[in-house]
Amino acid sequence: MKKKDHYLKIVEWSEEDQCYVGSIPGWIGKCCHGDDEKSVYHSLCQILEEWIEIYKEDNMALPPSISEKAYSGKFQLRIDCDLHKALAIRAMQANESLNSFCGKILKKQFTGSNPE
């Protein structure tokens, strides 16, 4: 596997810019744009290869890729007290823990699935 294959490459539509933009999360921010998704992806890959070469020439360690990062499944979230109370009540009504209830809401929001 090539070094560039370890990095997540994202091409997404920007409503603000009215074009596709490319980035490498955790390393290279929005760095290319265009009207064609495939050409933006191609440009993004070229930019990534150039940055890898620059790091190599300067004897610098490459940033860790998020695709290789291990996630624990835990993070702390601070929310408004009223929202905390409302979520806790809804979780009790569903006979679930607050953690499980919020996890299901987030999963549904980001994946579109309704886990049971």
N, C-alpha and C. Protein backbone atom coordinates (compact mmCIF):
# COMPACT_ATOMS: atom_id res chain seq x y z
N MET A 1 0.84 -1.18 0.00
CA MET A 1 0.00 0.00 0.00
C MET A 1 0.89 1.25 0.00
N LYS A 2 0.56 2.19 -0.84
CA LYS A 2 1.32 3.44 -0.92
C LYS A 2 0.98 4.34 0.26
N LYS A 3 1.91 5.21 0.61
CA LYS A 3 1.68 6.11 1.75
C LYS A 3 0.43 6.95 1.57
N LYS A 4 0.17 7.39 0.33
CA LYS A 4 -1.00 8.22 0.08
C LYS A 4 -2.32 7.48 0.34
N ASP A 5 -2.26 6.14 0.26
CA ASP A 5 -3.48 5.35 0.46
C ASP A 5 -3.91 5.29 1.92
N HIS A 6 -3.05 5.74 2.82
CA HIS A 6 -3.36 5.73 4.24
C HIS A 6 -4.20 6.93 4.68
N TYR A 7 -4.34 7.91 3.80
CA TYR A 7 -5.01 9.15 4.18
C TYR A 7 -6.41 9.24 3.58
N LEU A 8 -7.34 9.69 4.41
CA LEU A 8 -8.72 9.89 4.00
C LEU A 8 -8.79 11.13 3.11
N LYS A 9 -9.34 10.96 1.93
CA LYS A 9 -9.49 12.05 0.98
C LYS A 9 -10.98 12.36 0.84
N ILE A 10 -11.35 13.60 1.09
CA ILE A 10 -12.77 13.97 1.01
C ILE A 10 -12.98 15.04 -0.05
N VAL A 11 -13.92 14.76 -0.92
CA VAL A 11 -14.38 15.73 -1.90
C VAL A 11 -15.86 15.92 -1.61
N GLU A 12 -16.24 17.16 -1.31
CA GLU A 12 -17.64 17.43 -0.97
C GLU A 12 -18.11 18.72 -1.62
N TRP A 13 -19.40 18.81 -1.81
CA TRP A 13 -20.00 19.99 -2.40
C TRP A 13 -20.05 21.11 -1.36
N SER A 14 -19.65 22.31 -1.75
CA SER A 14 -19.72 23.48 -0.88
C SER A 14 -20.81 24.41 -1.39
N GLU A 15 -21.86 24.54 -0.61
CA GLU A 15 -22.95 25.47 -0.97
C GLU A 15 -22.42 26.90 -1.03
N GLU A 16 -21.55 27.20 -0.07
CA GLU A 16 -21.00 28.56 0.02
C GLU A 16 -20.20 28.93 -1.24
N ASP A 17 -19.38 27.99 -1.71
CA ASP A 17 -18.52 28.26 -2.87
C ASP A 17 -19.15 27.83 -4.19
N GLN A 18 -20.23 27.05 -4.10
CA GLN A 18 -20.91 26.52 -5.29
C GLN A 18 -19.97 25.71 -6.19
N CYS A 19 -19.17 24.86 -5.52
CA CYS A 19 -18.27 23.96 -6.25
C CYS A 19 -17.86 22.83 -5.30
N TYR A 20 -17.15 21.85 -5.85
CA TYR A 20 -16.61 20.78 -5.03
C TYR A 20 -15.29 21.24 -4.42
N VAL A 21 -15.04 20.84 -3.18
CA VAL A 21 -13.78 21.17 -2.51
C VAL A 21 -13.17 19.87 -1.97
N GLY A 22 -11.84 19.82 -1.98
CA GLY A 22 -11.14 18.64 -1.50
C GLY A 22 -10.29 18.94 -0.29
N SER A 23 -10.18 17.96 0.60
CA SER A 23 -9.37 18.11 1.81
C SER A 23 -8.90 16.75 2.30
N ILE A 24 -7.87 16.77 3.14
CA ILE A 24 -7.35 15.59 3.83
C ILE A 24 -7.53 15.88 5.32
N PRO A 25 -8.61 15.37 5.94
CA PRO A 25 -8.89 15.69 7.35
C PRO A 25 -7.71 15.36 8.27
N GLY A 26 -7.43 16.30 9.16
CA GLY A 26 -6.36 16.11 10.12
C GLY A 26 -4.98 16.51 9.61
N TRP A 27 -4.92 16.93 8.33
CA TRP A 27 -3.61 17.32 7.80
C TRP A 27 -3.73 18.50 6.84
N ILE A 28 -4.38 18.30 5.72
CA ILE A 28 -4.45 19.34 4.70
C ILE A 28 -5.90 19.80 4.60
N GLY A 29 -6.12 21.07 4.90
CA GLY A 29 -7.47 21.61 4.84
C GLY A 29 -7.97 21.71 3.41
N LYS A 30 -9.00 22.48 3.22
CA LYS A 30 -9.55 22.66 1.88
C LYS A 30 -8.46 23.24 0.98
N CYS A 31 -8.07 22.46 -0.03
CA CYS A 31 -6.89 22.83 -0.80
C CYS A 31 -7.11 22.85 -2.30
N CYS A 32 -8.25 22.39 -2.77
CA CYS A 32 -8.52 22.43 -4.20
C CYS A 32 -10.04 22.49 -4.40
N HIS A 33 -10.43 22.98 -5.54
CA HIS A 33 -11.86 23.10 -5.81
C HIS A 33 -12.11 23.05 -7.31
N GLY A 34 -13.37 22.80 -7.67
CA GLY A 34 -13.74 22.77 -9.08
C GLY A 34 -15.17 22.31 -9.27
N ASP A 35 -15.60 22.34 -10.51
CA ASP A 35 -16.98 21.97 -10.84
C ASP A 35 -17.19 20.47 -11.04
N ASP A 36 -16.09 19.74 -11.23
CA ASP A 36 -16.18 18.31 -11.49
C ASP A 36 -15.59 17.52 -10.32
N GLU A 37 -16.38 16.67 -9.72
CA GLU A 37 -15.98 15.92 -8.53
C GLU A 37 -14.73 15.06 -8.80
N LYS A 38 -14.69 14.41 -9.93
CA LYS A 38 -13.55 13.54 -10.25
C LYS A 38 -12.26 14.33 -10.44
N SER A 39 -12.35 15.48 -11.09
CA SER A 39 -11.13 16.27 -11.29
C SER A 39 -10.63 16.85 -9.98
N VAL A 40 -11.54 17.20 -9.08
CA VAL A 40 -11.13 17.69 -7.77
C VAL A 40 -10.45 16.57 -6.99
N TYR A 41 -11.00 15.36 -7.08
CA TYR A 41 -10.37 14.22 -6.41
C TYR A 41 -8.96 13.98 -6.97
N HIS A 42 -8.83 14.05 -8.28
CA HIS A 42 -7.51 13.86 -8.92
C HIS A 42 -6.53 14.93 -8.43
N SER A 43 -6.97 16.18 -8.37
CA SER A 43 -6.11 17.27 -7.88
C SER A 43 -5.73 17.04 -6.42
N LEU A 44 -6.68 16.59 -5.63
CA LEU A 44 -6.44 16.33 -4.21
C LEU A 44 -5.37 15.25 -4.05
N CYS A 45 -5.45 14.20 -4.86
CA CYS A 45 -4.44 13.13 -4.79
C CYS A 45 -3.06 13.65 -5.18
N GLN A 46 -3.00 14.51 -6.17
CA GLN A 46 -1.71 15.10 -6.58
C GLN A 46 -1.13 15.97 -5.46
N ILE A 47 -1.98 16.78 -4.85
CA ILE A 47 -1.53 17.63 -3.75
C ILE A 47 -1.00 16.78 -2.60
N LEU A 48 -1.70 15.71 -2.28
CA LEU A 48 -1.27 14.81 -1.21
C LEU A 48 0.10 14.21 -1.53
N GLU A 49 0.29 13.75 -2.75
CA GLU A 49 1.58 13.18 -3.15
C GLU A 49 2.69 14.22 -3.04
N GLU A 50 2.40 15.46 -3.41
CA GLU A 50 3.40 16.53 -3.30
C GLU A 50 3.77 16.80 -1.85
N TRP A 51 2.77 16.81 -0.97
CA TRP A 51 3.06 17.04 0.45
C TRP A 51 3.87 15.89 1.04
N ILE A 52 3.55 14.67 0.65
CA ILE A 52 4.32 13.51 1.13
C ILE A 52 5.77 13.65 0.69
N GLU A 53 5.98 14.06 -0.55
CA GLU A 53 7.34 14.25 -1.07
C GLU A 53 8.07 15.36 -0.31
N ILE A 54 7.38 16.46 -0.03
CA ILE A 54 7.99 17.56 0.73
C ILE A 54 8.43 17.08 2.12
N TYR A 55 7.56 16.35 2.79
CA TYR A 55 7.91 15.83 4.12
C TYR A 55 9.11 14.89 4.02
N LYS A 56 9.13 14.06 2.99
CA LYS A 56 10.24 13.12 2.80
C LYS A 56 11.55 13.88 2.58
N GLU A 57 11.52 14.88 1.70
CA GLU A 57 12.72 15.67 1.41
C GLU A 57 13.24 16.40 2.64
N ASP A 58 12.34 16.83 3.50
CA ASP A 58 12.73 17.56 4.71
C ASP A 58 12.95 16.64 5.92
N ASN A 59 12.93 15.33 5.67
CA ASN A 59 13.10 14.33 6.74
C ASN A 59 12.13 14.54 7.89
N MET A 60 10.92 14.87 7.56
CA MET A 60 9.87 15.07 8.57
C MET A 60 8.95 13.85 8.60
N ALA A 61 8.51 13.51 9.79
CA ALA A 61 7.55 12.41 9.92
C ALA A 61 6.20 12.85 9.39
N LEU A 62 5.55 11.97 8.68
CA LEU A 62 4.22 12.28 8.16
C LEU A 62 3.22 12.31 9.31
N PRO A 63 2.22 13.17 9.21
CA PRO A 63 1.17 13.17 10.24
C PRO A 63 0.45 11.82 10.26
N PRO A 64 -0.03 11.41 11.41
CA PRO A 64 -0.77 10.13 11.46
C PRO A 64 -2.07 10.26 10.66
N SER A 65 -2.43 9.20 10.01
CA SER A 65 -3.68 9.24 9.25
C SER A 65 -4.84 8.86 10.16
N ILE A 66 -6.00 9.44 9.92
CA ILE A 66 -7.15 9.11 10.77
C ILE A 66 -7.69 7.72 10.46
N SER A 67 -7.36 7.18 9.28
CA SER A 67 -7.84 5.84 8.95
C SER A 67 -7.12 4.78 9.78
N GLU A 68 -5.95 5.10 10.31
CA GLU A 68 -5.20 4.15 11.13
C GLU A 68 -5.40 4.40 12.62
N LYS A 69 -6.05 5.48 12.96
CA LYS A 69 -6.26 5.84 14.36
C LYS A 69 -7.30 4.91 14.99
N ALA A 70 -7.04 4.49 16.20
CA ALA A 70 -8.00 3.68 16.94
C ALA A 70 -8.89 4.60 17.76
N TYR A 71 -10.18 4.37 17.68
CA TYR A 71 -11.14 5.17 18.44
C TYR A 71 -11.72 4.32 19.56
N SER A 72 -11.83 4.91 20.74
CA SER A 72 -12.28 4.17 21.92
C SER A 72 -13.80 4.01 21.98
N GLY A 73 -14.52 4.85 21.26
CA GLY A 73 -15.97 4.82 21.37
C GLY A 73 -16.48 5.72 22.48
N LYS A 74 -15.58 6.51 23.06
CA LYS A 74 -15.96 7.41 24.15
C LYS A 74 -15.53 8.83 23.81
N PHE A 75 -16.38 9.78 24.14
CA PHE A 75 -15.99 11.19 24.11
C PHE A 75 -16.92 11.94 25.05
N GLN A 76 -16.44 13.04 25.57
CA GLN A 76 -17.22 13.81 26.53
C GLN A 76 -17.89 14.96 25.80
N LEU A 77 -19.16 15.16 26.07
CA LEU A 77 -19.95 16.18 25.41
C LEU A 77 -20.60 17.08 26.46
N ARG A 78 -20.38 18.36 26.34
CA ARG A 78 -21.00 19.31 27.26
C ARG A 78 -22.18 19.96 26.53
N ILE A 79 -23.35 19.89 27.16
CA ILE A 79 -24.55 20.45 26.56
C ILE A 79 -25.30 21.30 27.58
N ASP A 80 -26.25 22.05 27.10
CA ASP A 80 -27.11 22.88 27.94
C ASP A 80 -27.85 22.00 28.95
N CYS A 81 -28.04 22.50 30.16
CA CYS A 81 -28.71 21.74 31.23
C CYS A 81 -30.13 21.33 30.83
N ASP A 82 -30.85 22.20 30.15
CA ASP A 82 -32.22 21.88 29.75
C ASP A 82 -32.25 20.76 28.71
N LEU A 83 -31.29 20.78 27.79
CA LEU A 83 -31.21 19.70 26.80
C LEU A 83 -30.85 18.39 27.48
N HIS A 84 -29.94 18.44 28.45
CA HIS A 84 -29.55 17.25 29.20
C HIS A 84 -30.80 16.65 29.88
N LYS A 85 -31.57 17.49 30.51
CA LYS A 85 -32.78 17.03 31.20
C LYS A 85 -33.77 16.42 30.21
N ALA A 86 -33.99 17.09 29.08
CA ALA A 86 -34.94 16.60 28.08
C ALA A 86 -34.50 15.25 27.52
N LEU A 87 -33.22 15.11 27.24
CA LEU A 87 -32.71 13.85 26.72
C LEU A 87 -32.83 12.73 27.76
N ALA A 88 -32.52 13.06 29.01
CA ALA A 88 -32.63 12.07 30.08
C ALA A 88 -34.07 11.59 30.23
N ILE A 89 -35.01 12.50 30.14
CA ILE A 89 -36.43 12.13 30.26
C ILE A 89 -36.84 11.23 29.08
N ARG A 90 -36.43 11.62 27.86
CA ARG A 90 -36.77 10.82 26.67
C ARG A 90 -36.14 9.43 26.75
N ALA A 91 -34.91 9.37 27.28
CA ALA A 91 -34.25 8.07 27.43
C ALA A 91 -35.01 7.20 28.42
N MET A 92 -35.46 7.79 29.53
CA MET A 92 -36.24 7.04 30.52
C MET A 92 -37.55 6.54 29.91
N GLN A 93 -38.19 7.40 29.12
CA GLN A 93 -39.44 7.00 28.46
C GLN A 93 -39.22 5.82 27.51
N ALA A 94 -38.04 5.78 26.90
CA ALA A 94 -37.71 4.69 25.97
C ALA A 94 -37.11 3.49 26.71
N ASN A 95 -37.03 3.60 28.05
CA ASN A 95 -36.46 2.55 28.88
C ASN A 95 -35.02 2.21 28.46
N GLU A 96 -34.24 3.26 28.22
CA GLU A 96 -32.85 3.11 27.81
C GLU A 96 -31.97 4.00 28.68
N SER A 97 -30.69 3.68 28.67
CA SER A 97 -29.75 4.57 29.33
C SER A 97 -29.61 5.82 28.47
N LEU A 98 -29.19 6.90 29.09
CA LEU A 98 -28.97 8.14 28.35
C LEU A 98 -27.90 7.93 27.28
N ASN A 99 -26.87 7.18 27.61
CA ASN A 99 -25.79 6.91 26.68
C ASN A 99 -26.31 6.17 25.44
N SER A 100 -27.06 5.11 25.66
CA SER A 100 -27.60 4.32 24.55
C SER A 100 -28.56 5.15 23.71
N PHE A 101 -29.42 5.91 24.36
CA PHE A 101 -30.40 6.73 23.67
C PHE A 101 -29.71 7.77 22.77
N CYS A 102 -28.73 8.47 23.31
CA CYS A 102 -28.02 9.49 22.53
C CYS A 102 -27.21 8.86 21.41
N GLY A 103 -26.61 7.69 21.68
CA GLY A 103 -25.87 6.98 20.64
C GLY A 103 -26.76 6.63 19.46
N LYS A 104 -27.99 6.19 19.74
CA LYS A 104 -28.93 5.85 18.66
C LYS A 104 -29.34 7.09 17.87
N ILE A 105 -29.54 8.20 18.57
CA ILE A 105 -29.90 9.45 17.88
C ILE A 105 -28.76 9.87 16.95
N LEU A 106 -27.55 9.82 17.45
CA LEU A 106 -26.40 10.22 16.62
C LEU A 106 -26.22 9.28 15.43
N LYS A 107 -26.37 7.98 15.67
CA LYS A 107 -26.21 7.02 14.59
C LYS A 107 -27.26 7.25 13.51
N LYS A 108 -28.48 7.50 13.92
CA LYS A 108 -29.55 7.74 12.95
C LYS A 108 -29.27 9.02 12.17
N GLN A 109 -28.80 10.06 12.84
CA GLN A 109 -28.52 11.34 12.19
C GLN A 109 -27.41 11.21 11.16
N PHE A 110 -26.36 10.48 11.48
CA PHE A 110 -25.19 10.44 10.61
C PHE A 110 -25.17 9.29 9.63
N THR A 111 -25.94 8.24 9.86
CA THR A 111 -25.92 7.12 8.93
C THR A 111 -27.27 6.92 8.26
N GLY A 112 -28.31 7.54 8.80
CA GLY A 112 -29.64 7.38 8.24
C GLY A 112 -30.29 6.08 8.65
N SER A 113 -29.59 5.25 9.44
CA SER A 113 -30.17 3.98 9.86
C SER A 113 -30.86 4.14 11.21
N ASN A 114 -31.76 3.26 11.50
CA ASN A 114 -32.48 3.27 12.76
C ASN A 114 -32.17 1.99 13.51
N PRO A 115 -31.06 1.97 14.28
CA PRO A 115 -30.63 0.75 14.97
C PRO A 115 -31.61 0.36 16.07
N GLU A 116 -31.78 -0.90 16.25
CA GLU A 116 -32.63 -1.41 17.34
C GLU A 116 -31.84 -2.30 18.24
